[in-house]
Amino acid sequence: MKILNNLLFWSAVLGFTGSLLITFFGLPPDLHRDGSIYLALEQINTNQIVLASIYDCLSRIGLWLIVISFLLQIISIIRTRVRENP
């Protein structure tokens, strides 16, 4: 029973962490993905490109954490049903 409770706990923690990452890094408001600056001609801001890649990476990590949390919930449900119906 302790392992089952730990699965549910870690599922909740990973799901919450993943949703926070997606909330903060999923859709950055004023970030140009290609590094362009609007008031300058033919100029690329490399800091914007690096920042966009960091945002993309963190949002993907958030999605995977949510997927893992769902898998942990499914595993805990299957374990509970197997133990109840031997």
Protein backbone atom coordinates (compact mmCIF):
# COMPACT_ATOMS: atom_id res chain seq x y z
CA MET A 1 0.00 0.00 0.00
CA LYS A 2 2.92 2.33 0.64
CA ILE A 3 4.16 1.99 -2.95
CA LEU A 4 0.67 2.71 -4.23
CA ASN A 5 0.44 5.88 -2.15
CA ASN A 6 3.87 6.94 -3.38
CA LEU A 7 2.78 6.47 -7.00
CA LEU A 8 -0.23 8.69 -6.46
CA PHE A 9 1.86 11.29 -4.64
CA TRP A 10 4.53 11.42 -7.36
CA SER A 11 1.85 11.49 -10.02
CA ALA A 12 0.31 14.56 -8.42
CA VAL A 13 3.69 16.26 -7.98
CA LEU A 14 4.76 15.62 -11.59
CA GLY A 15 1.39 16.71 -12.97
CA PHE A 16 1.43 19.92 -10.97
CA THR A 17 5.04 20.69 -11.91
CA GLY A 18 4.35 19.99 -15.57
CA SER A 19 1.31 22.23 -15.61
CA LEU A 20 3.30 25.04 -13.99
CA LEU A 21 6.05 24.69 -16.61
CA ILE A 22 3.51 24.82 -19.42
CA THR A 23 1.77 27.80 -17.82
CA PHE A 24 4.93 29.86 -17.51
CA PHE A 25 6.96 28.65 -20.50
CA GLY A 26 4.38 27.29 -22.95
CA LEU A 27 3.40 30.54 -24.63
CA PRO A 28 5.88 33.36 -24.07
CA PRO A 29 4.23 36.69 -24.85
CA ASP A 30 6.84 38.91 -26.50
CA LEU A 31 9.38 36.45 -27.82
CA HIS A 32 10.20 36.26 -31.51
CA ARG A 33 11.05 32.66 -32.39
CA ASP A 34 13.26 33.58 -35.31
CA GLY A 35 15.17 36.28 -33.42
CA SER A 36 13.92 39.16 -35.54
CA ILE A 37 13.59 42.67 -34.16
CA TYR A 38 10.78 44.70 -35.63
CA LEU A 39 12.15 48.21 -35.74
CA ALA A 40 15.48 47.23 -37.29
CA LEU A 41 16.09 45.93 -40.79
CA GLU A 42 17.88 42.64 -41.35
CA GLN A 43 18.96 42.30 -37.73
CA ILE A 44 18.76 39.11 -35.69
CA ASN A 45 18.90 39.02 -31.94
CA THR A 46 20.69 35.81 -30.93
CA ASN A 47 19.57 36.23 -27.30
CA GLN A 48 15.96 35.85 -28.46
CA ILE A 49 16.84 32.62 -30.29
CA VAL A 50 18.49 31.16 -27.18
CA LEU A 51 15.59 32.26 -24.99
CA ALA A 52 13.08 30.74 -27.41
CA SER A 53 14.91 27.40 -27.36
CA ILE A 54 14.93 27.42 -23.55
CA TYR A 55 11.18 28.14 -23.50
CA ASP A 56 10.57 25.33 -26.00
CA CYS A 57 12.63 22.88 -23.96
CA LEU A 58 10.88 23.74 -20.69
CA SER A 59 7.43 23.49 -22.25
CA ARG A 60 8.29 20.05 -23.67
CA ILE A 61 9.56 18.94 -20.27
CA GLY A 62 6.26 20.13 -18.79
CA LEU A 63 4.30 18.07 -21.31
CA TRP A 64 6.36 14.95 -20.58
CA LEU A 65 5.87 15.41 -16.83
CA ILE A 66 2.12 15.48 -17.36
CA VAL A 67 2.31 12.35 -19.54
CA ILE A 68 4.35 10.57 -16.87
CA SER A 69 1.87 11.61 -14.20
CA PHE A 70 -0.99 10.10 -16.21
CA LEU A 71 0.98 6.88 -16.67
CA LEU A 72 1.64 6.68 -12.94
CA GLN A 73 -2.07 7.12 -12.26
CA ILE A 74 -2.92 4.32 -14.71
CA ILE A 75 -0.34 2.03 -13.11
CA SER A 76 -1.75 2.70 -9.65
CA ILE A 77 -5.31 2.00 -10.86
CA ILE A 78 -4.21 -1.28 -12.48
CA ARG A 79 -2.34 -2.34 -9.34
CA THR A 80 -5.37 -1.61 -7.18
CA ARG A 81 -7.68 -3.63 -9.41
CA VAL A 82 -5.24 -6.55 -9.62
CA ARG A 83 -4.94 -6.66 -5.83
CA GLU A 84 -8.71 -6.49 -5.34
CA ASN A 85 -9.49 -9.21 -7.93
CA PRO A 86 -6.81 -11.92 -7.69
